[in-house]
């Protein structure tokens, strides 16, 4: 496999369930040293895509490649041994401690004398000092970190992290983010599914958004935000008497596409930031302005605009 070749790929993959749903024509790739986020509302096809990559399902058409092989076929068995998966449900045994969980995983992967790998995985997720404590006493964040350690014990080149911080508090989430960044720096390929848009914006080099089983957008978080367009400039006018004059002047400016007023704040929508300086100068010449700030679309704004609001 070429050094920069994708570690995992879906290539125009389609799988349709008899009752509806699935994925249609989905293409994505994750290279070593990349974190790719797979986003979408519930029922968008994320789980189907993950199951295809893991070899649990085969596509009706298109192709799936894991380290150059088809994961569902005989040739993909070796590749699947290089795959680590953190499912949404950690499926831990409460009566076992961390060492026992990782020894069990090591045995399932046929590892001989896995002590060094187990210690390395537990140290990475900051659980070495709690290695002999039963997981029934672990917090939600500790359980998710142990699930990550279990996925790492056989030293996989590719990781599938399915909602890895689900139900984890803020501190635990940040700790897991740090571990995921370390995995990227270690040149592993990481596919991350998440419903936390801040998480995707912070961690992902690329984002793929699914809806209705299709890819509706793909690119870096910054690219998707720029593609949405729009730039918001917020001005504070302390004079209620001069506020109407300010609004009238700003509405007449050709670089302003929308004006909204809330109390003493005027929110202006511009196509981009190029007209901002001219608009601020006009505002200052028209009425007293004692505060301003700017806003750009977030990844959450992009997601909501593309997939709609309030859907299950």
C-alpha atoms as a PDB file:
ATOM      1  CA  UNK A   1       0.000   0.000   0.000  1.00  0.00           C
ATOM      2  CA  UNK A   2       1.364   3.465  -0.975  1.00  0.00           C
ATOM      3  CA  UNK A   3       2.344   5.607   2.016  1.00  0.00           C
ATOM      4  CA  UNK A   4      -0.234   8.313   1.252  1.00  0.00           C
ATOM      5  CA  UNK A   5      -2.946   5.920   0.047  1.00  0.00           C
ATOM      6  CA  UNK A   6      -6.220   5.964   1.974  1.00  0.00           C
ATOM      7  CA  UNK A   7      -6.264   3.558   4.887  1.00  0.00           C
ATOM      8  CA  UNK A   8      -9.997   3.144   4.450  1.00  0.00           C
ATOM      9  CA  UNK A   9     -12.365   4.065   1.642  1.00  0.00           C
ATOM     10  CA  UNK A  10     -15.971   3.919   0.613  1.00  0.00           C
ATOM     11  CA  UNK A  11     -16.096   4.257  -3.177  1.00  0.00           C
ATOM     12  CA  UNK A  12     -19.549   5.082  -4.579  1.00  0.00           C
ATOM     13  CA  UNK A  13     -20.950   2.569  -2.076  1.00  0.00           C
ATOM     14  CA  UNK A  14     -24.661   1.777  -2.139  1.00  0.00           C
ATOM     15  CA  UNK A  15     -26.637  -0.498   0.176  1.00  0.00           C
ATOM     16  CA  UNK A  16     -30.422  -0.306   0.305  1.00  0.00           C
ATOM     17  CA  UNK A  17     -32.489  -2.082   2.970  1.00  0.00           C
ATOM     18  CA  UNK A  18     -35.790  -3.713   1.906  1.00  0.00           C
ATOM     19  CA  UNK A  19     -37.788  -1.430   4.200  1.00  0.00           C
ATOM     20  CA  UNK A  20     -35.908   1.698   3.145  1.00  0.00           C
ATOM     21  CA  UNK A  21     -32.791   3.431   4.383  1.00  0.00           C
ATOM     22  CA  UNK A  22     -29.131   2.630   3.880  1.00  0.00           C
ATOM     23  CA  UNK A  23     -26.599   4.587   1.851  1.00  0.00           C
ATOM     24  CA  UNK A  24     -26.451   5.568  -1.804  1.00  0.00           C
ATOM     25  CA  UNK A  25     -23.321   6.469  -3.762  1.00  0.00           C
ATOM     26  CA  UNK A  26     -21.271   7.319  -0.669  1.00  0.00           C
ATOM     27  CA  UNK A  27     -17.609   8.122  -1.226  1.00  0.00           C
ATOM     28  CA  UNK A  28     -15.169   8.987   1.530  1.00  0.00           C
ATOM     29  CA  UNK A  29     -11.526   8.321   2.344  1.00  0.00           C
ATOM     30  CA  UNK A  30      -9.366   8.501   5.463  1.00  0.00           C
ATOM     31  CA  UNK A  31      -5.583   8.627   5.175  1.00  0.00           C
ATOM     32  CA  UNK A  32      -3.003   7.881   7.851  1.00  0.00           C
ATOM     33  CA  UNK A  33      -2.611  10.880  10.132  1.00  0.00           C
ATOM     34  CA  UNK A  34      -6.132  12.155   9.430  1.00  0.00           C
ATOM     35  CA  UNK A  35      -9.268  12.440  11.522  1.00  0.00           C
ATOM     36  CA  UNK A  36     -12.361  12.416   9.306  1.00  0.00           C
ATOM     37  CA  UNK A  37     -15.713  13.226  10.856  1.00  0.00           C
ATOM     38  CA  UNK A  38     -18.871  11.482   9.670  1.00  0.00           C
ATOM     39  CA  UNK A  39     -21.860  13.645  10.575  1.00  0.00           C
ATOM     40  CA  UNK A  40     -25.566  13.480   9.908  1.00  0.00           C
ATOM     41  CA  UNK A  41     -28.963  13.426  11.611  1.00  0.00           C
ATOM     42  CA  UNK A  42     -30.333  10.168  12.987  1.00  0.00           C
ATOM     43  CA  UNK A  43     -31.150   7.798  10.141  1.00  0.00           C
ATOM     44  CA  UNK A  44     -28.743   9.525   7.748  1.00  0.00           C
ATOM     45  CA  UNK A  45     -26.751   6.335   7.089  1.00  0.00           C
ATOM     46  CA  UNK A  46     -23.783   6.755   9.434  1.00  0.00           C
ATOM     47  CA  UNK A  47     -24.192   3.346  11.089  1.00  0.00           C
ATOM     48  CA  UNK A  48     -24.577   1.634   7.715  1.00  0.00           C
ATOM     49  CA  UNK A  49     -21.386   3.306   6.485  1.00  0.00           C
ATOM     50  CA  UNK A  50     -19.490   2.165   9.594  1.00  0.00           C
ATOM     51  CA  UNK A  51     -20.811  -1.399   9.252  1.00  0.00           C
ATOM     52  CA  UNK A  52     -19.669  -1.490   5.624  1.00  0.00           C
ATOM     53  CA  UNK A  53     -16.177  -0.382   6.625  1.00  0.00           C
ATOM     54  CA  UNK A  54     -16.035  -2.983   9.401  1.00  0.00           C
ATOM     55  CA  UNK A  55     -17.068  -5.744   7.006  1.00  0.00           C
ATOM     56  CA  UNK A  56     -20.341  -6.436   8.820  1.00  0.00           C
ATOM     57  CA  UNK A  57     -22.267  -5.571   5.641  1.00  0.00           C
ATOM     58  CA  UNK A  58     -21.437  -5.759   1.940  1.00  0.00           C
ATOM     59  CA  UNK A  59     -22.519  -3.064  -0.519  1.00  0.00           C
ATOM     60  CA  UNK A  60     -25.023  -3.735  -3.284  1.00  0.00           C
ATOM     61  CA  UNK A  61     -22.689  -1.765  -5.550  1.00  0.00           C
ATOM     62  CA  UNK A  62     -19.533   0.269  -5.247  1.00  0.00           C
ATOM     63  CA  UNK A  63     -16.550  -0.758  -3.182  1.00  0.00           C
ATOM     64  CA  UNK A  64     -15.130  -0.699   0.334  1.00  0.00           C
ATOM     65  CA  UNK A  65     -11.415  -0.816   1.031  1.00  0.00           C
ATOM     66  CA  UNK A  66      -9.691  -1.269   4.368  1.00  0.00           C
ATOM     67  CA  UNK A  67      -5.896  -1.086   4.044  1.00  0.00           C
ATOM     68  CA  UNK A  68      -6.260  -1.972   0.375  1.00  0.00           C
ATOM     69  CA  UNK A  69      -8.534  -5.010   0.849  1.00  0.00           C
ATOM     70  CA  UNK A  70     -12.265  -5.609   0.973  1.00  0.00           C
ATOM     71  CA  UNK A  71     -13.067  -6.018   4.682  1.00  0.00           C
ATOM     72  CA  UNK A  72     -16.009  -8.359   4.075  1.00  0.00           C
ATOM     73  CA  UNK A  73     -13.984 -10.835   2.006  1.00  0.00           C
ATOM     74  CA  UNK A  74     -11.335 -13.393   2.876  1.00  0.00           C
ATOM     75  CA  UNK A  75      -8.582 -10.973   1.836  1.00  0.00           C
ATOM     76  CA  UNK A  76      -9.854  -8.461   4.347  1.00  0.00           C
ATOM     77  CA  UNK A  77      -9.278 -10.595   7.442  1.00  0.00           C
ATOM     78  CA  UNK A  78      -5.723  -9.387   7.850  1.00  0.00           C
ATOM     79  CA  UNK A  79      -6.898  -5.805   7.395  1.00  0.00           C
ATOM     80  CA  UNK A  80      -9.633  -6.191  10.007  1.00  0.00           C
ATOM     81  CA  UNK A  81      -6.963  -7.241  12.509  1.00  0.00           C
ATOM     82  CA  UNK A  82      -5.483  -3.759  11.979  1.00  0.00           C
ATOM     83  CA  UNK A  83      -8.823  -2.115  12.749  1.00  0.00           C
ATOM     84  CA  UNK A  84      -9.823  -0.829  16.182  1.00  0.00           C
ATOM     85  CA  UNK A  85     -13.441   0.032  16.950  1.00  0.00           C
ATOM     86  CA  UNK A  86     -14.956   2.010  19.820  1.00  0.00           C
ATOM     87  CA  UNK A  87     -18.724   1.391  19.549  1.00  0.00           C
ATOM     88  CA  UNK A  88     -21.381   3.682  21.004  1.00  0.00           C
ATOM     89  CA  UNK A  89     -22.046   1.117  23.712  1.00  0.00           C
ATOM     90  CA  UNK A  90     -18.773   0.402  25.516  1.00  0.00           C
ATOM     91  CA  UNK A  91     -19.960  -3.163  26.373  1.00  0.00           C
ATOM     92  CA  UNK A  92     -17.685  -3.437  29.392  1.00  0.00           C
ATOM     93  CA  UNK A  93     -18.001  -6.160  32.004  1.00  0.00           C
ATOM     94  CA  UNK A  94     -18.578  -4.414  35.365  1.00  0.00           C
ATOM     95  CA  UNK A  95     -16.970  -7.219  37.392  1.00  0.00           C
ATOM     96  CA  UNK A  96     -13.676  -6.999  35.459  1.00  0.00           C
ATOM     97  CA  UNK A  97     -10.939  -4.435  35.940  1.00  0.00           C
ATOM     98  CA  UNK A  98      -9.070  -2.612  33.184  1.00  0.00           C
ATOM     99  CA  UNK A  99      -6.208  -5.112  33.039  1.00  0.00           C
ATOM    100  CA  UNK A 100      -8.614  -8.021  32.693  1.00  0.00           C
ATOM    101  CA  UNK A 101     -10.529  -6.283  29.893  1.00  0.00           C
ATOM    102  CA  UNK A 102      -7.373  -5.679  27.902  1.00  0.00           C
ATOM    103  CA  UNK A 103      -6.000  -9.171  28.540  1.00  0.00           C
ATOM    104  CA  UNK A 104      -9.258 -10.568  27.180  1.00  0.00           C
ATOM    105  CA  UNK A 105      -9.023  -8.390  24.062  1.00  0.00           C
ATOM    106  CA  UNK A 106      -5.388  -9.331  23.584  1.00  0.00           C
ATOM    107  CA  UNK A 107      -6.298 -13.021  23.756  1.00  0.00           C
ATOM    108  CA  UNK A 108      -9.063 -12.562  21.186  1.00  0.00           C
ATOM    109  CA  UNK A 109      -6.527 -10.979  18.823  1.00  0.00           C
ATOM    110  CA  UNK A 110      -4.013 -13.763  19.474  1.00  0.00           C
ATOM    111  CA  UNK A 111      -1.387 -11.501  21.011  1.00  0.00           C
ATOM    112  CA  UNK A 112       1.465 -13.231  22.821  1.00  0.00           C
ATOM    113  CA  UNK A 113       2.946 -11.617  25.930  1.00  0.00           C
ATOM    114  CA  UNK A 114       0.816  -8.471  25.546  1.00  0.00           C
ATOM    115  CA  UNK A 115       1.909  -6.859  28.828  1.00  0.00           C
ATOM    116  CA  UNK A 116       3.806  -3.986  27.200  1.00  0.00           C
ATOM    117  CA  UNK A 117       0.967  -3.200  24.772  1.00  0.00           C
ATOM    118  CA  UNK A 118      -1.589  -3.284  27.599  1.00  0.00           C
ATOM    119  CA  UNK A 119       0.466  -0.918  29.735  1.00  0.00           C
ATOM    120  CA  UNK A 120       1.031   1.430  26.793  1.00  0.00           C
ATOM    121  CA  UNK A 121      -2.694   1.561  25.962  1.00  0.00           C
ATOM    122  CA  UNK A 122      -3.736   2.178  29.567  1.00  0.00           C
ATOM    123  CA  UNK A 123      -1.112   4.881  30.047  1.00  0.00           C
ATOM    124  CA  UNK A 124      -2.261   6.610  26.881  1.00  0.00           C
ATOM    125  CA  UNK A 125      -5.782   6.966  28.302  1.00  0.00           C
ATOM    126  CA  UNK A 126      -4.557   7.771  31.835  1.00  0.00           C
ATOM    127  CA  UNK A 127      -5.948   4.610  33.414  1.00  0.00           C
ATOM    128  CA  UNK A 128      -2.761   2.793  34.410  1.00  0.00           C
ATOM    129  CA  UNK A 129      -3.142   3.846  38.056  1.00  0.00           C
ATOM    130  CA  UNK A 130      -6.707   2.450  38.071  1.00  0.00           C
ATOM    131  CA  UNK A 131      -5.857  -0.757  36.220  1.00  0.00           C
ATOM    132  CA  UNK A 132      -6.901  -3.086  39.068  1.00  0.00           C
ATOM    133  CA  UNK A 133     -10.143  -1.264  39.893  1.00  0.00           C
ATOM    134  CA  UNK A 134     -13.398  -2.861  38.767  1.00  0.00           C
ATOM    135  CA  UNK A 135     -15.026  -0.928  35.957  1.00  0.00           C
ATOM    136  CA  UNK A 136     -18.317  -0.878  37.868  1.00  0.00           C
ATOM    137  CA  UNK A 137     -16.814   2.019  39.859  1.00  0.00           C
ATOM    138  CA  UNK A 138     -15.635   3.939  36.767  1.00  0.00           C
ATOM    139  CA  UNK A 139     -17.159   7.230  35.704  1.00  0.00           C
ATOM    140  CA  UNK A 140     -18.656   7.569  32.224  1.00  0.00           C
ATOM    141  CA  UNK A 141     -15.501   9.252  30.966  1.00  0.00           C
ATOM    142  CA  UNK A 142     -13.277   6.504  32.390  1.00  0.00           C
ATOM    143  CA  UNK A 143     -15.403   3.829  30.733  1.00  0.00           C
ATOM    144  CA  UNK A 144     -15.079   5.554  27.350  1.00  0.00           C
ATOM    145  CA  UNK A 145     -11.322   5.867  27.842  1.00  0.00           C
ATOM    146  CA  UNK A 146     -11.106   2.167  28.675  1.00  0.00           C
ATOM    147  CA  UNK A 147     -13.100   1.357  25.530  1.00  0.00           C
ATOM    148  CA  UNK A 148     -10.519   3.343  23.563  1.00  0.00           C
ATOM    149  CA  UNK A 149      -7.652   1.498  25.253  1.00  0.00           C
ATOM    150  CA  UNK A 150      -9.304  -1.819  24.407  1.00  0.00           C
ATOM    151  CA  UNK A 151      -9.514  -0.768  20.751  1.00  0.00           C
ATOM    152  CA  UNK A 152      -5.796   0.125  20.780  1.00  0.00           C
ATOM    153  CA  UNK A 153      -4.288  -2.906  22.501  1.00  0.00           C
ATOM    154  CA  UNK A 154      -3.583  -4.743  19.212  1.00  0.00           C
ATOM    155  CA  UNK A 155      -1.956  -1.612  17.717  1.00  0.00           C
ATOM    156  CA  UNK A 156      -4.433  -0.931  14.879  1.00  0.00           C
ATOM    157  CA  UNK A 157      -3.580   1.337  11.955  1.00  0.00           C
ATOM    158  CA  UNK A 158      -7.227   2.387  11.546  1.00  0.00           C
ATOM    159  CA  UNK A 159      -9.692   3.436  14.246  1.00  0.00           C
ATOM    160  CA  UNK A 160     -13.469   3.784  14.062  1.00  0.00           C
ATOM    161  CA  UNK A 161     -14.723   5.949  16.919  1.00  0.00           C
ATOM    162  CA  UNK A 162     -18.520   5.850  17.038  1.00  0.00           C
ATOM    163  CA  UNK A 163     -19.728   8.657  19.323  1.00  0.00           C
ATOM    164  CA  UNK A 164     -16.651   8.254  21.568  1.00  0.00           C
ATOM    165  CA  UNK A 165     -17.629  11.035  23.991  1.00  0.00           C
ATOM    166  CA  UNK A 166     -21.348  10.229  24.242  1.00  0.00           C
ATOM    167  CA  UNK A 167     -22.512  10.808  27.809  1.00  0.00           C
ATOM    168  CA  UNK A 168     -19.096  12.056  28.939  1.00  0.00           C
ATOM    169  CA  UNK A 169     -18.759  15.255  30.998  1.00  0.00           C
ATOM    170  CA  UNK A 170     -16.826  18.284  29.738  1.00  0.00           C
ATOM    171  CA  UNK A 171     -13.529  17.356  31.435  1.00  0.00           C
ATOM    172  CA  UNK A 172     -13.705  13.760  30.247  1.00  0.00           C
ATOM    173  CA  UNK A 173     -14.554  14.889  26.738  1.00  0.00           C
ATOM    174  CA  UNK A 174     -11.535  17.198  26.599  1.00  0.00           C
ATOM    175  CA  UNK A 175      -9.303  14.364  27.836  1.00  0.00           C
ATOM    176  CA  UNK A 176     -10.577  12.087  25.073  1.00  0.00           C
ATOM    177  CA  UNK A 177     -10.022  14.842  22.507  1.00  0.00           C
ATOM    178  CA  UNK A 178      -6.384  15.003  23.582  1.00  0.00           C
ATOM    179  CA  UNK A 179      -6.026  11.240  23.149  1.00  0.00           C
ATOM    180  CA  UNK A 180      -7.582  11.369  19.667  1.00  0.00           C
ATOM    181  CA  UNK A 181      -5.148  14.109  18.640  1.00  0.00           C
ATOM    182  CA  UNK A 182      -2.281  11.917  19.866  1.00  0.00           C
ATOM    183  CA  UNK A 183      -3.561   9.060  17.719  1.00  0.00           C
ATOM    184  CA  UNK A 184      -3.581  11.330  14.662  1.00  0.00           C
ATOM    185  CA  UNK A 185      -0.046  12.474  15.492  1.00  0.00           C
ATOM    186  CA  UNK A 186       0.902   8.785  15.685  1.00  0.00           C
ATOM    187  CA  UNK A 187      -0.099   8.541  11.986  1.00  0.00           C
ATOM    188  CA  UNK A 188      -3.225   6.485  12.520  1.00  0.00           C
ATOM    189  CA  UNK A 189      -6.317   6.909  10.368  1.00  0.00           C
ATOM    190  CA  UNK A 190      -9.363   7.850  12.445  1.00  0.00           C
ATOM    191  CA  UNK A 191     -13.011   7.900  11.372  1.00  0.00           C
ATOM    192  CA  UNK A 192     -15.093   9.722  13.964  1.00  0.00           C
ATOM    193  CA  UNK A 193     -18.893   9.802  14.125  1.00  0.00           C
ATOM    194  CA  UNK A 194     -20.288  12.436  16.449  1.00  0.00           C
ATOM    195  CA  UNK A 195     -23.330  14.574  17.106  1.00  0.00           C
ATOM    196  CA  UNK A 196     -21.201  17.187  18.853  1.00  0.00           C
ATOM    197  CA  UNK A 197     -20.452  19.808  16.202  1.00  0.00           C
ATOM    198  CA  UNK A 198     -17.879  21.532  18.405  1.00  0.00           C
ATOM    199  CA  UNK A 199     -16.077  18.191  18.634  1.00  0.00           C
ATOM    200  CA  UNK A 200     -15.991  17.783  14.865  1.00  0.00           C
ATOM    201  CA  UNK A 201     -14.776  21.361  14.369  1.00  0.00           C
ATOM    202  CA  UNK A 202     -12.020  20.887  16.949  1.00  0.00           C
ATOM    203  CA  UNK A 203     -10.764  17.440  15.933  1.00  0.00           C
ATOM    204  CA  UNK A 204     -11.492  16.767  12.286  1.00  0.00           C
ATOM    205  CA  UNK A 205      -9.255  17.501   9.332  1.00  0.00           C
ATOM    206  CA  UNK A 206     -12.178  16.695   7.037  1.00  0.00           C
ATOM    207  CA  UNK A 207     -15.921  16.385   7.571  1.00  0.00           C
ATOM    208  CA  UNK A 208     -18.420  14.353   5.544  1.00  0.00           C
ATOM    209  CA  UNK A 209     -22.104  15.149   6.121  1.00  0.00           C
ATOM    210  CA  UNK A 210     -24.686  12.493   5.274  1.00  0.00           C
ATOM    211  CA  UNK A 211     -28.418  13.011   4.914  1.00  0.00           C
ATOM    212  CA  UNK A 212     -30.889  10.516   3.521  1.00  0.00           C
ATOM    213  CA  UNK A 213     -28.042   8.084   2.854  1.00  0.00           C
ATOM    214  CA  UNK A 214     -26.190  10.496   0.558  1.00  0.00           C
ATOM    215  CA  UNK A 215     -23.165  12.740   0.999  1.00  0.00           C
ATOM    216  CA  UNK A 216     -24.514  16.290   0.904  1.00  0.00           C
ATOM    217  CA  UNK A 217     -21.288  18.106   1.823  1.00  0.00           C
ATOM    218  CA  UNK A 218     -17.614  17.300   2.363  1.00  0.00           C
ATOM    219  CA  UNK A 219     -14.544  19.358   3.172  1.00  0.00           C
ATOM    220  CA  UNK A 220     -12.580  20.767   6.061  1.00  0.00           C
ATOM    221  CA  UNK A 221     -14.634  22.529   8.764  1.00  0.00           C
ATOM    222  CA  UNK A 222     -13.229  25.878   7.595  1.00  0.00           C
ATOM    223  CA  UNK A 223     -14.095  25.150   3.954  1.00  0.00           C
ATOM    224  CA  UNK A 224     -17.666  24.215   4.824  1.00  0.00           C
ATOM    225  CA  UNK A 225     -18.077  27.347   6.900  1.00  0.00           C
ATOM    226  CA  UNK A 226     -16.759  29.539   4.066  1.00  0.00           C
ATOM    227  CA  UNK A 227     -18.937  27.724   1.543  1.00  0.00           C
ATOM    228  CA  UNK A 228     -22.039  28.625   3.518  1.00  0.00           C
ATOM    229  CA  UNK A 229     -21.195  32.295   3.088  1.00  0.00           C
ATOM    230  CA  UNK A 230     -22.439  35.182   5.131  1.00  0.00           C
ATOM    231  CA  UNK A 231     -20.658  37.424   7.596  1.00  0.00           C
ATOM    232  CA  UNK A 232     -22.425  39.054  10.527  1.00  0.00           C
ATOM    233  CA  UNK A 233     -21.406  42.428  11.877  1.00  0.00           C
ATOM    234  CA  UNK A 234     -23.006  43.537  15.163  1.00  0.00           C
ATOM    235  CA  UNK A 235     -23.006  47.239  16.095  1.00  0.00           C
ATOM    236  CA  UNK A 236     -24.163  48.730  19.395  1.00  0.00           C
ATOM    237  CA  UNK A 237     -25.832  52.136  19.220  1.00  0.00           C
ATOM    238  CA  UNK A 238     -26.522  53.687  22.660  1.00  0.00           C
ATOM    239  CA  UNK A 239     -28.781  56.434  21.227  1.00  0.00           C
ATOM    240  CA  UNK A 240     -32.372  55.317  20.676  1.00  0.00           C
ATOM    241  CA  UNK A 241     -33.052  58.631  18.922  1.00  0.00           C
ATOM    242  CA  UNK A 242     -30.381  58.058  16.292  1.00  0.00           C
ATOM    243  CA  UNK A 243     -31.000  54.329  15.893  1.00  0.00           C
ATOM    244  CA  UNK A 244     -33.628  54.722  13.101  1.00  0.00           C
ATOM    245  CA  UNK A 245     -31.210  56.910  11.091  1.00  0.00           C
ATOM    246  CA  UNK A 246     -28.509  54.294  11.518  1.00  0.00           C
ATOM    247  CA  UNK A 247     -30.776  51.480  10.330  1.00  0.00           C
ATOM    248  CA  UNK A 248     -31.925  53.497   7.275  1.00  0.00           C
ATOM    249  CA  UNK A 249     -28.337  54.305   6.290  1.00  0.00           C
ATOM    250  CA  UNK A 250     -27.180  50.729   6.656  1.00  0.00           C
ATOM    251  CA  UNK A 251     -30.152  49.306   4.716  1.00  0.00           C
ATOM    252  CA  UNK A 252     -29.194  51.514   1.790  1.00  0.00           C
ATOM    253  CA  UNK A 253     -25.605  50.289   1.667  1.00  0.00           C
ATOM    254  CA  UNK A 254     -25.082  47.948  -1.346  1.00  0.00           C
ATOM    255  CA  UNK A 255     -22.790  45.662   0.659  1.00  0.00           C
ATOM    256  CA  UNK A 256     -25.418  44.876   3.311  1.00  0.00           C
ATOM    257  CA  UNK A 257     -27.855  42.055   2.533  1.00  0.00           C
ATOM    258  CA  UNK A 258     -29.929  42.142   5.748  1.00  0.00           C
ATOM    259  CA  UNK A 259     -30.424  44.330   8.837  1.00  0.00           C
ATOM    260  CA  UNK A 260     -31.997  43.241  12.126  1.00  0.00           C
ATOM    261  CA  UNK A 261     -32.440  45.290  15.295  1.00  0.00           C
ATOM    262  CA  UNK A 262     -32.632  43.988  18.881  1.00  0.00           C
ATOM    263  CA  UNK A 263     -32.727  46.624  21.617  1.00  0.00           C
ATOM    264  CA  UNK A 264     -29.626  48.756  20.990  1.00  0.00           C
ATOM    265  CA  UNK A 265     -27.840  46.227  18.746  1.00  0.00           C
ATOM    266  CA  UNK A 266     -27.962  46.248  14.964  1.00  0.00           C
ATOM    267  CA  UNK A 267     -27.011  42.975  13.259  1.00  0.00           C
ATOM    268  CA  UNK A 268     -25.901  43.243   9.653  1.00  0.00           C
ATOM    269  CA  UNK A 269     -25.440  40.384   7.213  1.00  0.00           C
ATOM    270  CA  UNK A 270     -22.734  40.860   4.602  1.00  0.00           C
ATOM    271  CA  UNK A 271     -21.744  38.408   1.837  1.00  0.00           C
ATOM    272  CA  UNK A 272     -18.184  38.463   3.233  1.00  0.00           C
ATOM    273  CA  UNK A 273     -15.875  40.655   5.280  1.00  0.00           C
ATOM    274  CA  UNK A 274     -14.622  42.842   2.394  1.00  0.00           C
ATOM    275  CA  UNK A 275     -17.255  45.558   2.930  1.00  0.00           C
ATOM    276  CA  UNK A 276     -17.009  45.548   6.731  1.00  0.00           C
ATOM    277  CA  UNK A 277     -14.636  48.531   7.064  1.00  0.00           C
ATOM    278  CA  UNK A 278     -16.772  50.683   4.744  1.00  0.00           C
ATOM    279  CA  UNK A 279     -19.969  49.744   6.616  1.00  0.00           C
ATOM    280  CA  UNK A 280     -18.417  50.554  10.008  1.00  0.00           C
ATOM    281  CA  UNK A 281     -17.255  53.942   8.693  1.00  0.00           C
ATOM    282  CA  UNK A 282     -20.783  54.700   7.448  1.00  0.00           C
ATOM    283  CA  UNK A 283     -22.285  53.679  10.786  1.00  0.00           C
ATOM    284  CA  UNK A 284     -19.851  55.845  12.787  1.00  0.00           C
ATOM    285  CA  UNK A 285     -20.634  58.837  10.561  1.00  0.00           C
ATOM    286  CA  UNK A 286     -24.395  58.365  11.012  1.00  0.00           C
ATOM    287  CA  UNK A 287     -24.865  57.654  14.728  1.00  0.00           C
ATOM    288  CA  UNK A 288     -22.831  56.999  17.879  1.00  0.00           C
ATOM    289  CA  UNK A 289     -21.469  53.447  17.937  1.00  0.00           C
ATOM    290  CA  UNK A 290     -19.796  52.271  21.142  1.00  0.00           C
ATOM    291  CA  UNK A 291     -19.287  48.597  20.416  1.00  0.00           C
ATOM    292  CA  UNK A 292     -18.980  46.077  17.610  1.00  0.00           C
ATOM    293  CA  UNK A 293     -18.168  42.442  17.071  1.00  0.00           C
ATOM    294  CA  UNK A 294     -18.267  40.011  14.172  1.00  0.00           C
ATOM    295  CA  UNK A 295     -19.660  36.511  13.758  1.00  0.00           C
ATOM    296  CA  UNK A 296     -18.975  33.905  11.094  1.00  0.00           C
ATOM    297  CA  UNK A 297     -20.971  30.723  10.401  1.00  0.00           C
ATOM    298  CA  UNK A 298     -20.026  27.839  12.683  1.00  0.00           C
ATOM    299  CA  UNK A 299     -19.969  24.194  11.681  1.00  0.00           C
ATOM    300  CA  UNK A 300     -23.251  23.859  13.569  1.00  0.00           C
ATOM    301  CA  UNK A 301     -24.760  26.614  11.398  1.00  0.00           C
ATOM    302  CA  UNK A 302     -23.630  24.714   8.303  1.00  0.00           C
ATOM    303  CA  UNK A 303     -25.045  21.433   9.598  1.00  0.00           C
ATOM    304  CA  UNK A 304     -28.441  22.927  10.463  1.00  0.00           C
ATOM    305  CA  UNK A 305     -28.654  24.787   7.151  1.00  0.00           C
ATOM    306  CA  UNK A 306     -27.938  21.610   5.192  1.00  0.00           C
ATOM    307  CA  UNK A 307     -29.972  19.058   7.156  1.00  0.00           C
ATOM    308  CA  UNK A 308     -32.789  21.126   8.703  1.00  0.00           C
ATOM    309  CA  UNK A 309     -33.718  21.706  12.332  1.00  0.00           C
ATOM    310  CA  UNK A 310     -35.603  19.705  14.906  1.00  0.00           C
ATOM    311  CA  UNK A 311     -35.504  16.329  13.154  1.00  0.00           C
ATOM    312  CA  UNK A 312     -35.189  12.931  14.810  1.00  0.00           C
END
